[in-house]
C-alpha atoms as a PDB file:
ATOM      1  CA  MET A   1      22.570  65.646  -6.354  1.00  0.00           C
ATOM      2  CA  SER A   2      20.615  67.793  -3.883  1.00  0.00           C
ATOM      3  CA  GLU A   3      21.373  71.518  -3.774  1.00  0.00           C
ATOM      4  CA  TYR A   4      22.379  71.025  -0.125  1.00  0.00           C
ATOM      5  CA  SER A   5      24.144  67.665  -0.519  1.00  0.00           C
ATOM      6  CA  LEU A   6      27.176  67.276   1.713  1.00  0.00           C
ATOM      7  CA  HIS A   7      29.020  65.096  -0.790  1.00  0.00           C
ATOM      8  CA  PRO A   8      32.647  66.360  -0.910  1.00  0.00           C
ATOM      9  CA  GLY A   9      32.325  66.854  -4.674  1.00  0.00           C
ATOM     10  CA  ASN A  10      29.560  69.403  -4.076  1.00  0.00           C
ATOM     11  CA  LYS A  11      31.470  72.135  -2.252  1.00  0.00           C
ATOM     12  CA  ALA A  12      28.882  74.785  -3.075  1.00  0.00           C
ATOM     13  CA  GLY A  13      26.168  72.536  -1.623  1.00  0.00           C
ATOM     14  CA  ILE A  14      28.077  72.090   1.646  1.00  0.00           C
ATOM     15  CA  TYR A  15      28.635  75.839   1.832  1.00  0.00           C
ATOM     16  CA  LYS A  16      24.913  76.532   1.342  1.00  0.00           C
ATOM     17  CA  ALA A  17      23.850  73.811   3.804  1.00  0.00           C
ATOM     18  CA  LEU A  18      25.951  75.207   6.653  1.00  0.00           C
ATOM     19  CA  ARG A  19      24.670  78.732   5.983  1.00  0.00           C
ATOM     20  CA  ALA A  20      21.090  77.459   5.901  1.00  0.00           C
ATOM     21  CA  LEU A  21      21.582  75.658   9.230  1.00  0.00           C
ATOM     22  CA  ALA A  22      22.778  78.847  10.923  1.00  0.00           C
ATOM     23  CA  ALA A  23      19.791  80.818   9.623  1.00  0.00           C
ATOM     24  CA  ALA A  24      17.085  78.212  10.350  1.00  0.00           C
ATOM     25  CA  GLU A  25      14.507  78.556  13.140  1.00  0.00           C
ATOM     26  CA  GLY A  26      12.037  76.315  14.968  1.00  0.00           C
ATOM     27  CA  LYS A  27      10.995  73.167  13.116  1.00  0.00           C
ATOM     28  CA  ALA A  28      13.046  74.258  10.113  1.00  0.00           C
ATOM     29  CA  LEU A  29      16.110  74.163  12.357  1.00  0.00           C
ATOM     30  CA  ASP A  30      15.287  70.610  13.454  1.00  0.00           C
ATOM     31  CA  GLY A  31      14.918  69.618   9.814  1.00  0.00           C
ATOM     32  CA  ALA A  32      18.207  71.252   8.857  1.00  0.00           C
ATOM     33  CA  VAL A  33      20.066  69.325  11.565  1.00  0.00           C
ATOM     34  CA  GLU A  34      18.446  66.046  10.508  1.00  0.00           C
ATOM     35  CA  ARG A  35      19.326  66.635   6.842  1.00  0.00           C
ATOM     36  CA  ILE A  36      23.011  67.298   7.313  1.00  0.00           C
ATOM     37  CA  TYR A  37      23.910  65.275  10.439  1.00  0.00           C
ATOM     38  CA  HIS A  38      24.178  61.511  10.779  1.00  0.00           C
ATOM     39  CA  PRO A  39      21.810  60.229  13.537  1.00  0.00           C
ATOM     40  CA  ASP A  40      24.834  59.084  15.581  1.00  0.00           C
ATOM     41  CA  ALA A  41      26.853  62.250  15.029  1.00  0.00           C
ATOM     42  CA  ARG A  42      29.128  63.566  17.752  1.00  0.00           C
ATOM     43  CA  TRP A  43      29.809  67.198  18.611  1.00  0.00           C
ATOM     44  CA  TYR A  44      33.077  68.354  20.161  1.00  0.00           C
ATOM     45  CA  GLY A  45      32.546  71.941  21.247  1.00  0.00           C
ATOM     46  CA  SER A  46      34.167  74.666  23.279  1.00  0.00           C
ATOM     47  CA  HIS A  47      33.523  74.686  27.015  1.00  0.00           C
ATOM     48  CA  PRO A  48      30.855  74.679  28.417  1.00  0.00           C
ATOM     49  CA  ILE A  49      29.198  72.815  25.515  1.00  0.00           C
ATOM     50  CA  ASN A  50      31.939  70.174  25.288  1.00  0.00           C
ATOM     51  CA  GLU A  51      31.111  66.680  23.961  1.00  0.00           C
ATOM     52  CA  LEU A  52      27.637  65.652  22.798  1.00  0.00           C
ATOM     53  CA  GLU A  53      26.164  62.707  20.912  1.00  0.00           C
ATOM     54  CA  GLY A  54      23.148  62.461  18.620  1.00  0.00           C
ATOM     55  CA  THR A  55      21.073  64.919  16.644  1.00  0.00           C
ATOM     56  CA  ASP A  56      18.750  65.767  19.546  1.00  0.00           C
ATOM     57  CA  ALA A  57      21.687  67.140  21.539  1.00  0.00           C
ATOM     58  CA  ILE A  58      22.958  69.031  18.487  1.00  0.00           C
ATOM     59  CA  LYS A  59      19.497  70.519  17.946  1.00  0.00           C
ATOM     60  CA  ASP A  60      19.539  71.763  21.545  1.00  0.00           C
ATOM     61  CA  VAL A  61      22.843  73.552  20.916  1.00  0.00           C
ATOM     62  CA  TRP A  62      21.422  75.357  17.928  1.00  0.00           C
ATOM     63  CA  HIS A  63      18.073  76.205  19.518  1.00  0.00           C
ATOM     64  CA  ASN A  64      19.910  77.765  22.467  1.00  0.00           C
ATOM     65  CA  VAL A  65      22.098  79.742  20.080  1.00  0.00           C
ATOM     66  CA  ARG A  66      19.130  81.000  18.065  1.00  0.00           C
ATOM     67  CA  ARG A  67      17.229  82.165  21.152  1.00  0.00           C
ATOM     68  CA  SER A  68      20.119  84.496  21.911  1.00  0.00           C
ATOM     69  CA  PHE A  69      21.033  85.337  18.305  1.00  0.00           C
ATOM     70  CA  PRO A  70      17.671  85.530  16.494  1.00  0.00           C
ATOM     71  CA  ASP A  71      18.801  87.037  13.179  1.00  0.00           C
ATOM     72  CA  MET A  72      22.028  85.087  12.843  1.00  0.00           C
ATOM     73  CA  GLU A  73      23.963  84.716   9.623  1.00  0.00           C
ATOM     74  CA  ARG A  74      27.050  82.646   8.986  1.00  0.00           C
ATOM     75  CA  ARG A  75      30.006  84.397   7.347  1.00  0.00           C
ATOM     76  CA  ASP A  76      32.851  82.089   6.344  1.00  0.00           C
ATOM     77  CA  SER A  77      36.155  83.779   5.578  1.00  0.00           C
ATOM     78  CA  ILE A  78      37.955  80.451   5.039  1.00  0.00           C
ATOM     79  CA  PHE A  79      36.119  77.399   3.695  1.00  0.00           C
ATOM     80  CA  LEU A  80      38.126  74.289   2.841  1.00  0.00           C
ATOM     81  CA  VAL A  81      36.945  70.858   1.668  1.00  0.00           C
ATOM     82  CA  GLY A  82      39.334  67.952   1.270  1.00  0.00           C
ATOM     83  CA  GLU A  83      40.865  64.810   2.706  1.00  0.00           C
ATOM     84  CA  SER A  84      42.937  64.137   5.790  1.00  0.00           C
ATOM     85  CA  GLY A  85      44.240  60.607   5.472  1.00  0.00           C
ATOM     86  CA  THR A  86      41.199  58.498   4.602  1.00  0.00           C
ATOM     87  CA  LYS A  87      38.683  60.960   6.073  1.00  0.00           C
ATOM     88  CA  GLN A  88      36.813  63.772   4.342  1.00  0.00           C
ATOM     89  CA  TYR A  89      36.434  67.158   6.015  1.00  0.00           C
ATOM     90  CA  VAL A  90      35.078  70.633   5.589  1.00  0.00           C
ATOM     91  CA  ALA A  91      37.037  73.129   7.710  1.00  0.00           C
ATOM     92  CA  THR A  92      36.031  76.751   8.210  1.00  0.00           C
ATOM     93  CA  ILE A  93      36.926  80.031   9.885  1.00  0.00           C
ATOM     94  CA  GLY A  94      34.445  82.882  10.212  1.00  0.00           C
ATOM     95  CA  ILE A  95      31.874  84.619  12.369  1.00  0.00           C
ATOM     96  CA  TYR A  96      28.234  84.158  13.242  1.00  0.00           C
ATOM     97  CA  GLN A  97      26.795  87.678  13.115  1.00  0.00           C
ATOM     98  CA  SER A  98      23.556  88.685  14.818  1.00  0.00           C
ATOM     99  CA  ASN A  99      21.919  90.970  17.291  1.00  0.00           C
ATOM    100  CA  PHE A 100      22.710  89.445  20.697  1.00  0.00           C
ATOM    101  CA  VAL A 101      19.398  89.744  22.560  1.00  0.00           C
ATOM    102  CA  ALA A 102      19.490  87.182  25.400  1.00  0.00           C
ATOM    103  CA  ASP A 103      22.241  85.860  27.680  1.00  0.00           C
ATOM    104  CA  TRP A 104      24.008  82.772  26.334  1.00  0.00           C
ATOM    105  CA  LEU A 105      26.198  80.328  28.290  1.00  0.00           C
ATOM    106  CA  GLY A 106      26.719  82.950  30.971  1.00  0.00           C
ATOM    107  CA  VAL A 107      27.689  85.710  28.529  1.00  0.00           C
ATOM    108  CA  PRO A 108      25.455  88.778  28.967  1.00  0.00           C
ATOM    109  CA  ALA A 109      23.515  89.978  25.940  1.00  0.00           C
ATOM    110  CA  THR A 110      24.790  93.190  24.359  1.00  0.00           C
ATOM    111  CA  HIS A 111      21.444  94.054  22.709  1.00  0.00           C
ATOM    112  CA  GLY A 112      23.385  95.060  19.643  1.00  0.00           C
ATOM    113  CA  VAL A 113      25.323  93.395  16.860  1.00  0.00           C
ATOM    114  CA  ALA A 114      27.799  90.759  18.046  1.00  0.00           C
ATOM    115  CA  HIS A 115      30.232  88.461  16.266  1.00  0.00           C
ATOM    116  CA  LEU A 116      30.708  84.900  17.501  1.00  0.00           C
ATOM    117  CA  ARG A 117      34.076  83.857  16.098  1.00  0.00           C
ATOM    118  CA  TYR A 118      34.473  80.203  15.100  1.00  0.00           C
ATOM    119  CA  GLY A 119      36.876  77.615  13.820  1.00  0.00           C
ATOM    120  CA  GLU A 120      35.110  74.412  12.779  1.00  0.00           C
ATOM    121  CA  ALA A 121      35.923  71.075  11.177  1.00  0.00           C
ATOM    122  CA  HIS A 122      33.161  68.699  10.087  1.00  0.00           C
ATOM    123  CA  GLU A 123      33.928  65.098   9.155  1.00  0.00           C
ATOM    124  CA  LEU A 124      31.736  63.817   6.314  1.00  0.00           C
ATOM    125  CA  VAL A 125      30.540  60.232   5.839  1.00  0.00           C
ATOM    126  CA  ASP A 126      28.040  59.244   3.134  1.00  0.00           C
ATOM    127  CA  GLY A 127      26.932  62.826   2.569  1.00  0.00           C
ATOM    128  CA  ARG A 128      26.337  63.703   6.230  1.00  0.00           C
ATOM    129  CA  ILE A 129      28.341  65.098   9.117  1.00  0.00           C
ATOM    130  CA  ILE A 130      29.444  62.348  11.504  1.00  0.00           C
ATOM    131  CA  GLN A 131      31.638  64.551  13.731  1.00  0.00           C
ATOM    132  CA  THR A 132      31.816  68.288  14.329  1.00  0.00           C
ATOM    133  CA  TYR A 133      34.696  70.049  16.073  1.00  0.00           C
ATOM    134  CA  ALA A 134      33.545  73.583  16.911  1.00  0.00           C
ATOM    135  CA  LEU A 135      35.831  76.046  18.668  1.00  0.00           C
ATOM    136  CA  TRP A 136      33.610  79.061  19.340  1.00  0.00           C
ATOM    137  CA  ASP A 137      35.442  81.970  20.991  1.00  0.00           C
ATOM    138  CA  LEU A 138      33.320  82.769  24.049  1.00  0.00           C
ATOM    139  CA  LEU A 139      36.120  84.842  25.524  1.00  0.00           C
ATOM    140  CA  ASP A 140      35.969  87.157  22.504  1.00  0.00           C
ATOM    141  CA  LEU A 141      32.195  87.387  22.949  1.00  0.00           C
ATOM    142  CA  LEU A 142      32.779  88.408  26.581  1.00  0.00           C
ATOM    143  CA  ARG A 143      35.118  91.124  25.333  1.00  0.00           C
ATOM    144  CA  GLN A 144      32.317  92.458  23.132  1.00  0.00           C
ATOM    145  CA  ALA A 145      30.006  92.385  26.167  1.00  0.00           C
ATOM    146  CA  ALA A 146      32.530  94.588  28.059  1.00  0.00           C
ATOM    147  CA  ILE A 147      33.392  91.874  30.587  1.00  0.00           C
ATOM    148  CA  TRP A 148      37.013  90.739  30.776  1.00  0.00           C
ATOM    149  CA  PRO A 149      37.539  88.202  33.580  1.00  0.00           C
ATOM    150  CA  ILE A 150      41.246  87.410  33.046  1.00  0.00           C
ATOM    151  CA  ALA A 151      44.534  89.304  32.704  1.00  0.00           C
ATOM    152  CA  PRO A 152      44.936  91.688  29.743  1.00  0.00           C
ATOM    153  CA  SER A 153      46.042  90.061  26.505  1.00  0.00           C
ATOM    154  CA  LEU A 154      49.648  90.579  25.449  1.00  0.00           C
ATOM    155  CA  GLY A 155      48.715  90.657  21.763  1.00  0.00           C
ATOM    156  CA  ALA A 156      46.165  92.938  20.118  1.00  0.00           C
ATOM    157  CA  GLU A 157      42.513  92.032  20.680  1.00  0.00           C
ATOM    158  CA  VAL A 158      41.041  92.672  17.247  1.00  0.00           C
ATOM    159  CA  ALA A 159      38.515  91.095  14.915  1.00  0.00           C
ATOM    160  CA  TRP A 160      40.097  88.417  12.751  1.00  0.00           C
ATOM    161  CA  PRO A 161      40.241  89.616   9.144  1.00  0.00           C
ATOM    162  CA  ALA A 162      39.600  87.428   6.138  1.00  0.00           C
ATOM    163  CA  PRO A 163      42.686  86.341   4.182  1.00  0.00           C
ATOM    164  CA  ALA A 164      44.536  89.251   2.608  1.00  0.00           C
ATOM    165  CA  THR A 165      44.179  87.660  -0.831  1.00  0.00           C
ATOM    166  CA  GLY A 166      40.388  87.355  -0.590  1.00  0.00           C
ATOM    167  CA  ASP A 167      40.431  83.735  -1.785  1.00  0.00           C
ATOM    168  CA  GLY A 168      39.680  81.854   1.440  1.00  0.00           C
ATOM    169  CA  VAL A 169      36.327  80.388   0.352  1.00  0.00           C
ATOM    170  CA  ARG A 170      37.502  77.518  -1.862  1.00  0.00           C
ATOM    171  CA  LEU A 171      34.630  76.159  -3.968  1.00  0.00           C
ATOM    172  CA  GLY A 172      36.609  75.097  -7.030  1.00  0.00           C
ATOM    173  CA  GLU A 173      38.990  72.247  -7.784  1.00  0.00           C
ATOM    174  CA  GLU A 174      42.357  72.325  -6.011  1.00  0.00           C
ATOM    175  CA  ASN A 175      45.785  71.510  -7.360  1.00  0.00           C
ATOM    176  CA  ALA A 176      46.755  68.291  -5.573  1.00  0.00           C
ATOM    177  CA  GLU A 177      50.470  69.037  -5.717  1.00  0.00           C
ATOM    178  CA  GLN A 178      50.006  72.507  -4.252  1.00  0.00           C
ATOM    179  CA  SER A 179      47.702  71.142  -1.530  1.00  0.00           C
ATOM    180  CA  ALA A 180      50.293  68.545  -0.523  1.00  0.00           C
ATOM    181  CA  SER A 181      53.015  71.194  -0.514  1.00  0.00           C
ATOM    182  CA  SER A 182      50.965  73.478   1.758  1.00  0.00           C
ATOM    183  CA  ILE A 183      50.292  70.883   4.447  1.00  0.00           C
ATOM    184  CA  GLY A 184      53.859  69.595   4.093  1.00  0.00           C
ATOM    185  CA  LEU A 185      55.244  73.065   4.856  1.00  0.00           C
ATOM    186  CA  VAL A 186      53.002  73.403   7.908  1.00  0.00           C
ATOM    187  CA  LEU A 187      53.941  70.000   9.325  1.00  0.00           C
ATOM    188  CA  ALA A 188      57.637  70.739   8.772  1.00  0.00           C
ATOM    189  CA  MET A 189      57.160  73.975  10.714  1.00  0.00           C
ATOM    190  CA  HIS A 190      55.508  72.007  13.523  1.00  0.00           C
ATOM    191  CA  GLN A 191      58.508  69.683  13.673  1.00  0.00           C
ATOM    192  CA  GLY A 192      60.728  72.728  13.992  1.00  0.00           C
ATOM    193  CA  LEU A 193      58.779  73.884  17.038  1.00  0.00           C
ATOM    194  CA  PHE A 194      59.697  70.666  18.830  1.00  0.00           C
ATOM    195  CA  ARG A 195      63.418  71.192  18.217  1.00  0.00           C
ATOM    196  CA  PHE A 196      63.524  73.906  20.883  1.00  0.00           C
ATOM    197  CA  ASP A 197      66.715  73.486  22.945  1.00  0.00           C
ATOM    198  CA  GLN A 198      65.223  75.241  26.030  1.00  0.00           C
ATOM    199  CA  LYS A 199      67.684  78.116  25.577  1.00  0.00           C
ATOM    200  CA  ASP A 200      67.447  79.865  22.229  1.00  0.00           C
ATOM    201  CA  LEU A 201      64.261  80.545  20.244  1.00  0.00           C
ATOM    202  CA  ASP A 202      66.345  80.448  17.060  1.00  0.00           C
ATOM    203  CA  SER A 203      66.965  76.732  17.692  1.00  0.00           C
ATOM    204  CA  MET A 204      63.495  76.111  16.215  1.00  0.00           C
ATOM    205  CA  GLN A 205      64.558  77.768  12.925  1.00  0.00           C
ATOM    206  CA  GLN A 206      61.117  79.258  12.418  1.00  0.00           C
ATOM    207  CA  HIS A 207      62.396  81.919  10.013  1.00  0.00           C
ATOM    208  CA  LYS A 208      62.548  79.143   7.396  1.00  0.00           C
ATOM    209  CA  TYR A 209      58.764  78.797   7.353  1.00  0.00           C
ATOM    210  CA  TRP A 210      57.214  82.269   7.731  1.00  0.00           C
ATOM    211  CA  THR A 211      57.127  85.443   5.669  1.00  0.00           C
ATOM    212  CA  ARG A 212      58.833  88.471   7.188  1.00  0.00           C
ATOM    213  CA  ASN A 213      55.606  90.267   8.149  1.00  0.00           C
ATOM    214  CA  PHE A 214      53.340  87.280   8.780  1.00  0.00           C
ATOM    215  CA  LEU A 215      50.194  87.723  10.833  1.00  0.00           C
ATOM    216  CA  TRP A 216      49.412  85.397  13.722  1.00  0.00           C
ATOM    217  CA  TYR A 217      45.763  85.696  14.756  1.00  0.00           C
ATOM    218  CA  GLY A 218      45.523  84.226  18.245  1.00  0.00           C
ATOM    219  CA  PRO A 219      42.356  83.578  20.242  1.00  0.00           C
ATOM    220  CA  ALA A 220      40.941  86.062  22.726  1.00  0.00           C
ATOM    221  CA  GLY A 221      43.197  86.038  25.763  1.00  0.00           C
ATOM    222  CA  ILE A 222      46.357  85.902  23.641  1.00  0.00           C
ATOM    223  CA  GLY A 223      45.607  88.253  20.765  1.00  0.00           C
ATOM    224  CA  THR A 224      47.136  89.040  17.395  1.00  0.00           C
ATOM    225  CA  ALA A 225      50.821  89.552  16.566  1.00  0.00           C
ATOM    226  CA  ARG A 226      52.756  90.539  13.438  1.00  0.00           C
ATOM    227  CA  GLY A 227      56.149  89.248  12.357  1.00  0.00           C
ATOM    228  CA  MET A 228      58.559  87.021  14.251  1.00  0.00           C
ATOM    229  CA  GLU A 229      59.381  89.673  16.840  1.00  0.00           C
ATOM    230  CA  GLY A 230      55.734  90.251  17.719  1.00  0.00           C
ATOM    231  CA  TYR A 231      54.911  86.544  17.670  1.00  0.00           C
ATOM    232  CA  ARG A 232      57.752  85.747  20.043  1.00  0.00           C
ATOM    233  CA  ALA A 233      56.986  88.619  22.397  1.00  0.00           C
ATOM    234  CA  HIS A 234      53.231  88.188  22.622  1.00  0.00           C
ATOM    235  CA  HIS A 235      52.846  84.414  22.397  1.00  0.00           C
ATOM    236  CA  GLN A 236      55.795  82.098  21.854  1.00  0.00           C
ATOM    237  CA  ALA A 237      58.138  83.192  24.651  1.00  0.00           C
ATOM    238  CA  PRO A 238      55.412  83.456  27.349  1.00  0.00           C
ATOM    239  CA  PHE A 239      54.021  80.088  26.260  1.00  0.00           C
ATOM    240  CA  LEU A 240      57.400  78.342  26.409  1.00  0.00           C
ATOM    241  CA  ARG A 241      58.192  79.832  29.817  1.00  0.00           C
ATOM    242  CA  ALA A 242      54.894  78.481  31.116  1.00  0.00           C
ATOM    243  CA  PHE A 243      54.980  75.092  29.349  1.00  0.00           C
ATOM    244  CA  PRO A 244      58.626  74.088  28.804  1.00  0.00           C
ATOM    245  CA  ASP A 245      57.775  70.392  28.283  1.00  0.00           C
ATOM    246  CA  ARG A 246      54.900  70.933  25.838  1.00  0.00           C
ATOM    247  CA  SER A 247      54.422  68.224  23.245  1.00  0.00           C
ATOM    248  CA  GLY A 248      51.978  67.255  20.545  1.00  0.00           C
ATOM    249  CA  ALA A 249      48.979  65.138  21.493  1.00  0.00           C
ATOM    250  CA  GLY A 250      47.965  64.194  17.950  1.00  0.00           C
ATOM    251  CA  HIS A 251      45.770  65.628  15.203  1.00  0.00           C
ATOM    252  CA  PHE A 252      42.371  64.614  13.910  1.00  0.00           C
ATOM    253  CA  ILE A 253      42.957  66.730  10.784  1.00  0.00           C
ATOM    254  CA  ASP A 254      46.011  67.577   8.646  1.00  0.00           C
ATOM    255  CA  MET A 255      44.661  68.909   5.357  1.00  0.00           C
ATOM    256  CA  GLY A 256      45.969  71.006   2.493  1.00  0.00           C
ATOM    257  CA  CYS A 257      43.680  72.851   0.070  1.00  0.00           C
ATOM    258  CA  GLY A 258      45.562  74.772  -2.588  1.00  0.00           C
ATOM    259  CA  ASN A 259      47.525  77.512  -0.851  1.00  0.00           C
ATOM    260  CA  TYR A 260      45.715  76.848   2.455  1.00  0.00           C
ATOM    261  CA  ALA A 261      46.184  74.230   5.152  1.00  0.00           C
ATOM    262  CA  VAL A 262      44.487  73.281   8.403  1.00  0.00           C
ATOM    263  CA  THR A 263      45.521  71.171  11.383  1.00  0.00           C
ATOM    264  CA  GLY A 264      43.665  70.390  14.589  1.00  0.00           C
ATOM    265  CA  GLY A 265      43.733  68.170  17.646  1.00  0.00           C
ATOM    266  CA  TRP A 266      41.283  67.311  20.425  1.00  0.00           C
ATOM    267  CA  PRO A 267      43.565  67.809  22.250  1.00  0.00           C
ATOM    268  CA  SER A 268      46.464  69.039  20.140  1.00  0.00           C
ATOM    269  CA  VAL A 269      48.878  70.040  22.923  1.00  0.00           C
ATOM    270  CA  GLN A 270      49.787  68.486  26.291  1.00  0.00           C
ATOM    271  CA  ALA A 271      52.085  70.089  28.846  1.00  0.00           C
ATOM    272  CA  THR A 272      52.921  70.811  32.478  1.00  0.00           C
ATOM    273  CA  HIS A 273      52.176  74.346  33.655  1.00  0.00           C
ATOM    274  CA  ALA A 274      55.617  74.805  35.192  1.00  0.00           C
ATOM    275  CA  GLY A 275      56.385  78.499  34.696  1.00  0.00           C
ATOM    276  CA  PRO A 276      54.876  81.999  34.813  1.00  0.00           C
ATOM    277  CA  ASP A 277      53.508  84.490  32.283  1.00  0.00           C
ATOM    278  CA  TRP A 278      50.871  82.604  30.270  1.00  0.00           C
ATOM    279  CA  LEU A 279      47.641  84.642  30.499  1.00  0.00           C
ATOM    280  CA  GLY A 280      49.072  86.321  33.606  1.00  0.00           C
ATOM    281  CA  LEU A 281      49.076  83.125  35.671  1.00  0.00           C
ATOM    282  CA  ALA A 282      51.726  81.942  38.088  1.00  0.00           C
ATOM    283  CA  ALA A 283      52.828  78.334  37.619  1.00  0.00           C
ATOM    284  CA  THR A 284      50.325  75.810  38.977  1.00  0.00           C
ATOM    285  CA  GLY A 285      52.300  72.605  38.363  1.00  0.00           C
ATOM    286  CA  LYS A 286      49.185  71.084  36.786  1.00  0.00           C
ATOM    287  CA  ARG A 287      49.073  68.953  33.656  1.00  0.00           C
ATOM    288  CA  VAL A 288      46.970  70.497  30.907  1.00  0.00           C
ATOM    289  CA  THR A 289      45.740  69.639  27.425  1.00  0.00           C
ATOM    290  CA  MET A 290      44.562  72.131  24.820  1.00  0.00           C
ATOM    291  CA  ARG A 291      41.963  71.922  22.079  1.00  0.00           C
ATOM    292  CA  VAL A 292      43.477  73.735  19.111  1.00  0.00           C
ATOM    293  CA  MET A 293      42.976  74.287  15.397  1.00  0.00           C
ATOM    294  CA  ASP A 294      45.302  76.151  13.035  1.00  0.00           C
ATOM    295  CA  PHE A 295      44.374  77.565   9.640  1.00  0.00           C
ATOM    296  CA  TYR A 296      47.192  78.748   7.363  1.00  0.00           C
ATOM    297  CA  ARG A 297      47.559  80.746   4.169  1.00  0.00           C
ATOM    298  CA  ILE A 298      50.724  80.025   2.189  1.00  0.00           C
ATOM    299  CA  GLU A 299      52.392  82.624  -0.033  1.00  0.00           C
ATOM    300  CA  ASN A 300      55.415  81.855  -2.226  1.00  0.00           C
ATOM    301  CA  GLY A 301      56.277  78.785  -0.166  1.00  0.00           C
ATOM    302  CA  LEU A 302      56.027  80.494   3.243  1.00  0.00           C
ATOM    303  CA  ILE A 303      53.274  80.959   5.845  1.00  0.00           C
ATOM    304  CA  ALA A 304      51.810  84.462   5.518  1.00  0.00           C
ATOM    305  CA  GLU A 305      48.771  84.210   7.827  1.00  0.00           C
ATOM    306  CA  ASN A 306      47.774  81.870  10.666  1.00  0.00           C
ATOM    307  CA  TRP A 307      44.386  81.811  12.430  1.00  0.00           C
ATOM    308  CA  ILE A 308      44.399  79.879  15.728  1.00  0.00           C
ATOM    309  CA  PRO A 309      41.137  78.938  17.508  1.00  0.00           C
ATOM    310  CA  ILE A 310      41.922  77.583  21.001  1.00  0.00           C
ATOM    311  CA  ASP A 311      39.514  76.659  23.801  1.00  0.00           C
ATOM    312  CA  ILE A 312      41.153  79.047  26.269  1.00  0.00           C
ATOM    313  CA  ILE A 313      38.293  78.835  28.778  1.00  0.00           C
ATOM    314  CA  GLU A 314      38.581  75.033  29.001  1.00  0.00           C
ATOM    315  CA  ALA A 315      42.379  75.174  29.339  1.00  0.00           C
ATOM    316  CA  LEU A 316      42.114  77.709  32.162  1.00  0.00           C
ATOM    317  CA  LEU A 317      39.549  75.530  33.926  1.00  0.00           C
ATOM    318  CA  GLN A 318      42.123  72.716  34.016  1.00  0.00           C
ATOM    319  CA  LEU A 319      44.549  75.154  35.661  1.00  0.00           C
ATOM    320  CA  GLY A 320      42.055  76.092  38.374  1.00  0.00           C
ATOM    321  CA  THR A 321      40.615  79.304  36.873  1.00  0.00           C
ATOM    322  CA  ASP A 322      36.867  79.153  36.250  1.00  0.00           C
ATOM    323  CA  VAL A 323      36.372  81.957  33.742  1.00  0.00           C
ATOM    324  CA  LEU A 324      32.591  81.614  33.561  1.00  0.00           C
ATOM    325  CA  GLY A 325      32.439  81.464  37.360  1.00  0.00           C
ATOM    326  CA  ARG A 326      34.334  84.761  37.480  1.00  0.00           C
ATOM    327  CA  VAL A 327      31.890  86.229  34.977  1.00  0.00           C
ATOM    328  CA  ALA A 328      28.968  85.191  37.197  1.00  0.00           C
ATOM    329  CA  HIS A 329      30.715  86.822  40.183  1.00  0.00           C
ATOM    330  CA  LEU A 330      31.262  90.064  38.280  1.00  0.00           C
ATOM    331  CA  ARG A 331      27.568  90.037  37.368  1.00  0.00           C
ATOM    332  CA  GLY A 332      26.490  89.823  41.005  1.00  0.00           C
ATOM    333  CA  ARG A 333      26.264  86.052  41.454  1.00  0.00           C
ATOM    334  CA  PRO A 334      29.340  85.136  43.520  1.00  0.00           C
ATOM    335  CA  ASN A 335      30.064  81.579  44.582  1.00  0.00           C
ATOM    336  CA  VAL A 336      30.107  81.690  48.404  1.00  0.00           C
ATOM    337  CA  ARG A 337      30.787  77.993  48.897  1.00  0.00           C
ATOM    338  CA  VAL A 338      34.075  77.012  50.546  1.00  0.00           C
END
């Protein structure tokens, strides 16, 4: 088996291959993409990258990244390999760290160290990636570039820490019973969310699923909260006021790995923007879908930490707010068309 084989039984090889891809340059980068991606692979990325097909398009993504981040290294804080139904996945949380030397996707270079936060899930078929879901937090990168084009976050805008237990990179064998229990707990919690009676947050019975001082690491624009009181104040209540009819739109991944679990949908949430307060917006009445992943750490049968990549910029675009257009305006390139 090759050192960089993406066979699910070779977790260390997958880990090394993804790190090598992030560090590769020029022709070596082309070769790295061709080694680990199926020729017909699809890429589902954050706006404005969005959906791509084929290795040539994926190479372009990475070449553009490397021009702006020339000394990039990949740092996974959570790395999970397992099965979701009949499909095999590797799912990760972490940062790409580099000096940020040239503008990228409309984000101005900082000319210093920057962290591009990611949540990714890669579907594996015959030792290669056939589909990548990559939620890269451009809004957090804008924060680092000292440009904030939307309302202030209600939660704390901080770097996402690695799991408190330091065991997020899972390269060994997992206990199947524990893995099933972890994803089972998460899916039961999700079902509780949809029991909201439109009056009382306690109707969802979320205290049954979370530790007392759990940490909820939201994307840039929402921010981080601690404990049920903070979670409700900074995310849940504003979200429910804005999207009272929200419902699930399906998942491409529901996977447990030991005391960790991951879910994700493209989209995961669908709703009508019928009320105020989400990201400072008044109700638009528009229908919206959201690209979301959730990574969970379970402790003594309860959720202790939750990392939530969301494509906030794409969701806002559906609601009529062009975040990257606002960034261009703030940088002296206003749109004067009517």
